Every structure is written in structure tokens, then in C-alpha cells.
Protein backbone atom coordinates (compact mmCIF):
# COMPACT_ATOMS: atom_id res chain seq x y z
CA LYS A 1 -88.97 -7.96 -2.85
CA GLU A 2 -91.64 -5.77 -4.36
CA ASN A 3 -91.92 -7.66 -7.69
CA LEU A 4 -91.16 -4.53 -9.67
CA ASP A 5 -90.13 -4.66 -13.31
CA VAL A 6 -86.95 -2.57 -13.53
CA ALA A 7 -85.12 -1.38 -16.64
CA THR A 8 -81.62 0.08 -16.60
CA VAL A 9 -80.19 2.55 -19.10
CA TYR A 10 -76.66 3.92 -19.39
CA SER A 11 -76.83 7.63 -20.13
CA GLY A 12 -73.32 8.93 -19.50
CA ARG A 13 -71.35 11.31 -21.64
CA ILE A 14 -68.62 8.81 -22.55
CA THR A 15 -70.66 6.42 -24.71
CA PHE A 16 -72.80 8.32 -27.18
CA GLN A 17 -75.81 6.61 -28.60
CA MET A 18 -77.33 9.16 -30.98
CA LEU A 19 -74.80 11.72 -32.23
CA PRO A 20 -71.21 11.01 -33.35
CA ILE A 21 -69.78 13.38 -30.73
CA ASN A 22 -66.43 11.60 -30.35
CA ARG A 23 -65.86 11.79 -34.11
CA MET A 24 -66.76 15.48 -34.06
CA LEU A 25 -64.36 16.14 -31.17
CA HIS A 26 -61.48 14.55 -33.04
CA LEU A 27 -61.82 17.34 -35.60
CA PHE A 28 -60.53 19.76 -32.94
CA LYS A 29 -57.02 19.80 -31.54
CA PRO A 30 -57.03 19.80 -27.74
CA ASP A 31 -54.82 22.26 -25.88
CA GLN A 32 -53.84 19.56 -23.42
CA ILE A 33 -54.20 15.78 -23.11
CA GLU A 34 -53.92 14.12 -19.73
CA SER A 35 -53.63 10.34 -19.57
CA SER A 36 -53.68 7.88 -16.76
CA PRO A 37 -51.31 4.92 -16.92
CA ALA A 38 -52.94 1.89 -18.52
CA LYS A 39 -52.76 -1.65 -17.27
CA PRO A 40 -51.32 -4.21 -19.71
CA GLY A 41 -53.92 -5.00 -22.35
CA GLU A 42 -56.06 -1.94 -21.54
CA GLN A 43 -56.29 1.41 -23.24
CA ALA A 44 -55.18 4.48 -21.25
CA ARG A 45 -57.97 6.79 -20.11
CA GLU A 46 -57.57 10.15 -21.78
CA VAL A 47 -58.90 13.58 -20.79
CA ARG A 48 -58.79 16.09 -23.63
CA ILE A 49 -58.86 19.72 -22.48
CA PHE A 50 -59.94 22.50 -24.83
CA HIS A 51 -59.42 26.17 -23.93
CA SER A 52 -61.58 27.43 -26.78
CA ALA A 53 -64.37 29.63 -25.38
CA ALA A 54 -66.41 29.10 -28.57
CA LEU A 55 -66.12 25.30 -28.41
CA ASN A 56 -66.88 25.29 -24.68
CA ALA A 57 -70.01 27.39 -25.33
CA ILE A 58 -71.24 25.32 -28.29
CA ALA A 59 -70.56 21.86 -26.81
CA PRO A 60 -73.31 22.01 -24.13
CA PHE A 61 -75.90 22.48 -26.89
CA VAL A 62 -74.59 19.43 -28.76
CA TYR A 63 -74.72 17.35 -25.57
CA TYR A 64 -78.20 18.75 -24.85
CA VAL A 65 -79.46 17.44 -28.21
CA GLU A 66 -77.81 14.07 -27.46
CA TYR A 67 -79.49 13.79 -24.07
CA VAL A 68 -82.90 14.90 -25.34
CA LEU A 69 -82.69 12.24 -28.06
CA ARG A 70 -81.76 9.66 -25.42
CA THR A 71 -84.78 10.53 -23.30
CA MET A 72 -86.90 9.52 -26.27
CA LYS A 73 -85.49 6.01 -25.73
CA VAL A 74 -86.21 6.15 -22.00
CA TYR A 75 -89.83 7.34 -22.00
CA PRO A 76 -91.22 4.23 -23.74
CA LYS A 77 -89.50 2.13 -21.08
CA ARG A 78 -91.47 4.01 -18.43
CA ILE A 79 -94.65 2.55 -19.97
CA PHE A 80 -93.47 -1.06 -19.80
CA TYR A 81 -91.48 -0.97 -16.55
CA ASP A 82 -92.35 0.10 -13.02
CA VAL A 83 -88.95 1.74 -12.53
CA VAL A 84 -86.32 2.94 -15.01
CA LEU A 85 -82.87 3.44 -13.53
CA MET A 86 -80.43 5.56 -15.51
CA ASP A 87 -76.71 5.48 -14.92
CA ARG A 88 -75.51 9.04 -15.45
CA SER A 89 -77.35 11.94 -17.01
CA PHE A 90 -76.92 15.46 -18.31
CA ILE A 91 -75.66 16.28 -14.81
CA ASP A 92 -72.33 14.71 -15.84
CA LEU A 93 -71.59 17.79 -17.94
CA PHE A 94 -71.06 19.84 -14.78
CA ALA A 95 -67.95 17.76 -14.07
CA SER A 96 -66.38 18.35 -17.49
CA PRO A 97 -63.36 20.66 -17.54
CA ASN A 98 -64.39 21.92 -20.98
CA LEU A 99 -67.97 23.10 -20.83
CA ASN A 100 -69.42 26.49 -19.96
CA LYS A 101 -71.23 25.85 -16.67
CA ARG A 102 -73.73 28.72 -17.06
CA ILE A 103 -74.94 27.30 -20.34
CA CYS A 104 -75.04 23.79 -18.82
CA THR A 105 -77.18 25.08 -15.94
CA LEU A 106 -79.63 26.79 -18.30
CA LEU A 107 -79.94 23.70 -20.50
CA PHE A 108 -80.20 21.41 -17.48
CA HIS A 109 -83.34 23.23 -16.36
CA LEU A 110 -84.86 22.73 -19.84
CA MET A 111 -84.26 18.96 -19.68
CA PRO A 112 -86.83 16.45 -18.44
CA GLN A 113 -86.00 16.12 -14.75
CA PRO A 114 -85.54 12.61 -13.39
CA LYS A 115 -84.95 12.10 -9.68
CA HIS A 116 -81.18 12.23 -9.12
CA ILE A 117 -79.38 10.00 -6.62
CA LEU A 118 -75.66 10.51 -6.22
CA LEU A 119 -73.64 7.43 -5.36
CA THR A 120 -70.33 8.75 -4.08
CA ASN A 121 -67.22 7.91 -2.12
CA ASP A 122 -63.77 9.28 -1.35
CA ALA A 123 -61.52 9.96 -4.34
CA LYS A 124 -58.96 7.40 -3.19
CA VAL A 125 -61.59 4.66 -2.87
CA ILE A 126 -62.93 5.43 -6.35
CA ALA A 127 -59.37 5.45 -7.76
CA GLN A 128 -58.79 1.97 -6.29
CA ARG A 129 -61.99 0.71 -7.91
CA ARG A 130 -61.34 2.50 -11.21
CA PRO A 131 -57.54 2.80 -11.68
CA GLU A 132 -57.96 4.02 -15.27
CA PHE A 133 -59.05 7.40 -13.85
CA MET A 134 -56.55 9.90 -12.47
CA VAL A 135 -57.14 10.90 -8.82
CA GLN A 136 -57.09 14.63 -9.63
CA HIS A 137 -59.86 14.10 -12.22
CA ILE A 138 -61.90 12.12 -9.72
CA ARG A 139 -61.50 14.93 -7.17
CA GLN A 140 -62.49 17.51 -9.79
CA GLN A 141 -65.61 15.51 -10.63
CA LEU A 142 -66.55 15.02 -6.97
CA ASP A 143 -66.08 18.75 -6.29
CA ALA A 144 -68.35 19.58 -9.23
CA TYR A 145 -71.01 17.14 -8.00
CA ASP A 146 -70.82 18.51 -4.45
CA LYS A 147 -71.73 21.98 -5.74
CA LEU A 148 -74.94 20.75 -7.35
CA PRO A 149 -78.22 20.98 -5.42
CA TYR A 150 -80.12 18.60 -7.70
CA TYR A 151 -79.94 15.35 -5.73
CA MET A 152 -82.84 13.98 -3.75
CA LEU A 153 -80.41 11.56 -2.10
CA ARG A 154 -76.63 11.25 -1.70
CA VAL A 155 -75.30 7.85 -0.69
CA LYS A 156 -71.74 6.88 0.18
CA THR A 157 -71.04 3.46 -1.33
CA ASN A 158 -68.87 1.98 1.39
CA ASN A 159 -71.11 -0.98 2.07
CA TYR A 160 -74.22 -2.84 0.98
CA ASP A 161 -76.44 -0.48 2.98
CA ALA A 162 -76.12 1.85 -0.01
CA VAL A 163 -78.18 -0.53 -2.15
CA LEU A 164 -80.84 -0.81 0.54
CA THR A 165 -80.91 2.95 1.05
CA VAL A 166 -81.42 3.60 -2.67
CA ALA A 167 -84.02 0.82 -2.98
CA LYS A 168 -85.98 2.27 -0.04
CA LYS A 169 -85.95 5.76 -1.57
CA VAL A 170 -87.04 4.44 -4.99
CA SER A 171 -89.88 2.43 -3.40
CA GLU A 172 -91.07 5.60 -1.60
CA LEU A 173 -91.38 7.34 -4.98
CA ILE A 174 -93.57 4.66 -6.55
């Protein structure tokens, strides 16, 4: 309605755009691999768990470099667009079973700080929408997000009012 030019950017920890993090991780042997059952024709979703204190302390710094490099792709978009929406951010690291949370918190505060909006729902609802994820991993992620104070808005995505609620909040910020 407002005739705003909007850009969207995926910035999650699964798809890396700058550093070959997945290739680096395959150099290490995980202590545990948890997989969800895959549908025919789809690849199973895999969670690799590392109990190495050294790896869990070093990894947040690698992700930090990745996210800082990504922000260099986002800032030019802020010049050409009225609003830049990012799906995911460094905040995703708090939900990882592998990373040292104290280091993540320190690095998070050194990052450029966008306005965070958490779109959430019940674990069972998310599992129905995304069956490739295991319910216990969804619960773990939701618990990690609930502990974070960094959101200016939390919206449950049960209906289309969620889109209107987010749009209203974004328009207030402009």
C-alpha cells in the first residue's frame, strides 16, 4: 500500500554465501548425527553434533566473519531500497547445539544490529509445515529463541494477521 521498494535477503546459517563452512565442517568427524526421515525424492535433514570444546569455541568466530561479510552485501541494498528484509541472521547461532553461547553473545553485540522480528509458532505446527525437521530440534530452537531479549516484535504465524502485524511495525520504523 505504501509504494515501498522492498528487497529480501536470506541470511541463515544453512546456506553460506561467502565462506565454505560446510566444506570445512566435513573435515571434522561429528560425535553424533541425528537425521529426520526423508520423503521420497528428498534428502534427509541432518544435524551434526560436535562435543569438541575447541571447535565449539572457534566456530562462532568463523560464523561471525561469514555474517559480517554478508552485511557488506546488505548495506548497498539499503541505499536502493526503502526496506531490506532479511530472513535469519547471526541470532540463529543461539539455536545451534554446537556453539559456545557466551562467545556468540559477545560477537552478537559486535555485529551491526538490525531490528529483529521473530515469527514463531508451536513446535507441532512448524513440524507439520517443515517435516524434514525433527520435533525435538524445533523445540530446542524455539527454547533458544525464547531466551533471547533481542526482538522488537514476536508474532505467532497462525493466520494472515501476522503479515499485517509485521507490515505495520516495519512501516512505523520508516
